[in-house]
Amino acid sequence: MQSTPLSMLIDTRLGGGLRDYVIKARERGADWRSIAAEISDLADRTVSHETLRSWFADEADLPIGRAS
């Protein structure tokens, strides 16, 4: 996962579980837009689906889920 000030803030607000949250969401078939909306609500910080996807672009072991 790419580390940026926003990703670190969101990770902290999720109790250090941003990566795990995204992996579980992708495993259940959630798309990036819905994951971003969920995380934005939980962390009380807006994050776009494109930003979220870019943070995890290098994650070879990330479940594919839906294409979008």
N, C-alpha and C. Protein backbone atom coordinates (compact mmCIF):
# COMPACT_ATOMS: atom_id res chain seq x y z
N MET A 1 0.85 -1.18 0.00
CA MET A 1 0.00 0.00 0.00
C MET A 1 0.89 1.23 0.00
N GLN A 2 0.55 2.16 -0.86
CA GLN A 2 1.28 3.42 -0.92
C GLN A 2 0.99 4.25 0.32
N SER A 3 2.03 4.83 0.89
CA SER A 3 1.87 5.64 2.09
C SER A 3 1.86 7.13 1.73
N THR A 4 0.76 7.78 2.02
CA THR A 4 0.61 9.22 1.82
C THR A 4 0.05 9.79 3.12
N PRO A 5 0.09 11.10 3.28
CA PRO A 5 -0.50 11.67 4.50
C PRO A 5 -1.97 11.27 4.69
N LEU A 6 -2.75 11.26 3.60
CA LEU A 6 -4.15 10.89 3.71
C LEU A 6 -4.33 9.40 4.03
N SER A 7 -3.54 8.55 3.39
CA SER A 7 -3.67 7.11 3.68
C SER A 7 -3.26 6.81 5.12
N MET A 8 -2.25 7.50 5.61
CA MET A 8 -1.84 7.29 7.00
C MET A 8 -2.90 7.78 7.98
N LEU A 9 -3.54 8.91 7.67
CA LEU A 9 -4.61 9.43 8.52
C LEU A 9 -5.79 8.45 8.55
N ILE A 10 -6.19 7.99 7.37
CA ILE A 10 -7.32 7.06 7.30
C ILE A 10 -6.97 5.75 8.00
N ASP A 11 -5.76 5.26 7.79
CA ASP A 11 -5.33 4.04 8.46
C ASP A 11 -5.42 4.21 9.98
N THR A 12 -4.98 5.34 10.48
CA THR A 12 -5.05 5.62 11.92
C THR A 12 -6.50 5.66 12.40
N ARG A 13 -7.35 6.30 11.63
CA ARG A 13 -8.76 6.40 12.03
C ARG A 13 -9.48 5.05 11.97
N LEU A 14 -8.94 4.14 11.16
CA LEU A 14 -9.51 2.79 11.10
C LEU A 14 -8.78 1.83 12.05
N GLY A 15 -8.00 2.38 12.96
CA GLY A 15 -7.29 1.56 13.94
C GLY A 15 -6.18 0.73 13.32
N GLY A 16 -5.57 1.24 12.26
CA GLY A 16 -4.48 0.53 11.61
C GLY A 16 -4.96 -0.56 10.65
N GLY A 17 -6.23 -0.48 10.25
CA GLY A 17 -6.78 -1.56 9.46
C GLY A 17 -7.20 -1.22 8.04
N LEU A 18 -6.62 -0.18 7.45
CA LEU A 18 -7.01 0.20 6.10
C LEU A 18 -6.77 -0.92 5.10
N ARG A 19 -5.57 -1.49 5.11
CA ARG A 19 -5.24 -2.55 4.16
C ARG A 19 -6.17 -3.76 4.34
N ASP A 20 -6.35 -4.18 5.58
CA ASP A 20 -7.23 -5.32 5.84
C ASP A 20 -8.66 -5.03 5.42
N TYR A 21 -9.12 -3.82 5.67
CA TYR A 21 -10.47 -3.44 5.29
C TYR A 21 -10.65 -3.56 3.78
N VAL A 22 -9.69 -3.03 3.03
CA VAL A 22 -9.77 -3.06 1.56
C VAL A 22 -9.71 -4.50 1.06
N ILE A 23 -8.82 -5.30 1.61
CA ILE A 23 -8.72 -6.70 1.17
C ILE A 23 -10.03 -7.43 1.41
N LYS A 24 -10.61 -7.28 2.59
CA LYS A 24 -11.88 -7.96 2.89
C LYS A 24 -13.00 -7.47 1.97
N ALA A 25 -13.03 -6.19 1.72
CA ALA A 25 -14.06 -5.64 0.84
C ALA A 25 -13.91 -6.18 -0.58
N ARG A 26 -12.69 -6.26 -1.08
CA ARG A 26 -12.46 -6.79 -2.43
C ARG A 26 -12.81 -8.28 -2.48
N GLU A 27 -12.51 -9.01 -1.41
CA GLU A 27 -12.84 -10.44 -1.37
C GLU A 27 -14.35 -10.66 -1.45
N ARG A 28 -15.12 -9.75 -0.87
CA ARG A 28 -16.57 -9.91 -0.92
C ARG A 28 -17.15 -9.36 -2.23
N GLY A 29 -16.28 -8.85 -3.11
CA GLY A 29 -16.70 -8.40 -4.44
C GLY A 29 -17.05 -6.93 -4.55
N ALA A 30 -16.73 -6.15 -3.52
CA ALA A 30 -17.03 -4.72 -3.56
C ALA A 30 -16.15 -4.01 -4.59
N ASP A 31 -16.74 -3.03 -5.28
CA ASP A 31 -15.95 -2.25 -6.23
C ASP A 31 -15.27 -1.08 -5.50
N TRP A 32 -14.35 -0.43 -6.20
CA TRP A 32 -13.55 0.64 -5.58
C TRP A 32 -14.42 1.81 -5.13
N ARG A 33 -15.47 2.13 -5.89
CA ARG A 33 -16.35 3.25 -5.51
C ARG A 33 -17.06 2.97 -4.18
N SER A 34 -17.57 1.77 -4.02
CA SER A 34 -18.29 1.47 -2.78
C SER A 34 -17.33 1.40 -1.60
N ILE A 35 -16.14 0.86 -1.82
CA ILE A 35 -15.14 0.82 -0.74
C ILE A 35 -14.75 2.24 -0.33
N ALA A 36 -14.53 3.11 -1.31
CA ALA A 36 -14.17 4.50 -1.01
C ALA A 36 -15.28 5.19 -0.22
N ALA A 37 -16.53 4.94 -0.59
CA ALA A 37 -17.65 5.55 0.13
C ALA A 37 -17.71 5.04 1.57
N GLU A 38 -17.53 3.74 1.76
CA GLU A 38 -17.54 3.16 3.10
C GLU A 38 -16.42 3.74 3.96
N ILE A 39 -15.22 3.78 3.40
CA ILE A 39 -14.05 4.27 4.14
C ILE A 39 -14.22 5.76 4.46
N SER A 40 -14.74 6.52 3.50
CA SER A 40 -14.97 7.95 3.75
C SER A 40 -15.91 8.16 4.92
N ASP A 41 -16.95 7.35 5.00
CA ASP A 41 -17.89 7.44 6.12
C ASP A 41 -17.25 7.03 7.44
N LEU A 42 -16.54 5.91 7.42
CA LEU A 42 -15.92 5.39 8.65
C LEU A 42 -14.83 6.30 9.18
N ALA A 43 -14.02 6.84 8.28
CA ALA A 43 -12.86 7.64 8.69
C ALA A 43 -13.17 9.12 8.79
N ASP A 44 -14.37 9.52 8.37
CA ASP A 44 -14.76 10.92 8.37
C ASP A 44 -13.79 11.78 7.56
N ARG A 45 -13.31 11.21 6.46
CA ARG A 45 -12.43 11.89 5.50
C ARG A 45 -12.80 11.39 4.12
N THR A 46 -12.92 12.29 3.18
CA THR A 46 -13.27 11.90 1.83
C THR A 46 -12.06 11.34 1.10
N VAL A 47 -12.26 10.19 0.50
CA VAL A 47 -11.23 9.59 -0.36
C VAL A 47 -11.94 9.09 -1.61
N SER A 48 -11.37 9.39 -2.77
CA SER A 48 -12.00 8.95 -4.02
C SER A 48 -11.62 7.51 -4.34
N HIS A 49 -12.43 6.89 -5.18
CA HIS A 49 -12.13 5.52 -5.58
C HIS A 49 -10.82 5.44 -6.34
N GLU A 50 -10.50 6.46 -7.13
CA GLU A 50 -9.25 6.46 -7.88
C GLU A 50 -8.04 6.60 -6.95
N THR A 51 -8.16 7.42 -5.93
CA THR A 51 -7.08 7.56 -4.96
C THR A 51 -6.87 6.24 -4.23
N LEU A 52 -7.95 5.66 -3.78
CA LEU A 52 -7.87 4.38 -3.07
C LEU A 52 -7.24 3.31 -3.96
N ARG A 53 -7.70 3.24 -5.20
CA ARG A 53 -7.15 2.24 -6.11
C ARG A 53 -5.66 2.48 -6.36
N SER A 54 -5.25 3.74 -6.45
CA SER A 54 -3.82 4.03 -6.69
C SER A 54 -2.97 3.62 -5.49
N TRP A 55 -3.51 3.73 -4.28
CA TRP A 55 -2.76 3.32 -3.10
C TRP A 55 -2.45 1.83 -3.11
N PHE A 56 -3.31 1.06 -3.76
CA PHE A 56 -3.17 -0.39 -3.77
C PHE A 56 -2.75 -0.94 -5.13
N ALA A 57 -2.28 -0.09 -6.02
CA ALA A 57 -1.92 -0.50 -7.38
C ALA A 57 -0.82 -1.56 -7.41
N ASP A 58 0.08 -1.52 -6.48
CA ASP A 58 1.22 -2.46 -6.47
C ASP A 58 0.97 -3.71 -5.63
N GLU A 59 -0.24 -3.92 -5.19
CA GLU A 59 -0.56 -5.06 -4.34
C GLU A 59 -0.89 -6.28 -5.20
N ALA A 60 0.09 -7.09 -5.47
CA ALA A 60 -0.11 -8.26 -6.31
C ALA A 60 -1.04 -9.28 -5.67
N ASP A 61 -1.09 -9.32 -4.34
CA ASP A 61 -1.91 -10.31 -3.65
C ASP A 61 -3.32 -9.82 -3.32
N LEU A 62 -3.66 -8.62 -3.78
CA LEU A 62 -4.98 -8.06 -3.50
C LEU A 62 -6.02 -8.80 -4.33
N PRO A 63 -7.10 -9.25 -3.70
CA PRO A 63 -8.16 -9.92 -4.46
C PRO A 63 -8.70 -9.03 -5.56
N ILE A 64 -9.02 -9.59 -6.68
CA ILE A 64 -9.46 -8.80 -7.82
C ILE A 64 -10.87 -8.28 -7.63
N GLY A 65 -11.78 -9.08 -7.15
CA GLY A 65 -13.16 -8.63 -7.00
C GLY A 65 -13.71 -8.18 -8.34
N ARG A 66 -14.53 -7.14 -8.33
CA ARG A 66 -15.05 -6.58 -9.59
C ARG A 66 -14.02 -5.69 -10.23
N ALA A 67 -14.10 -5.54 -11.53
CA ALA A 67 -13.10 -4.81 -12.30
C ALA A 67 -13.09 -3.31 -12.02
N SER A 68 -14.20 -2.72 -11.62
CA SER A 68 -14.23 -1.27 -11.47
C SER A 68 -13.76 -0.81 -10.12
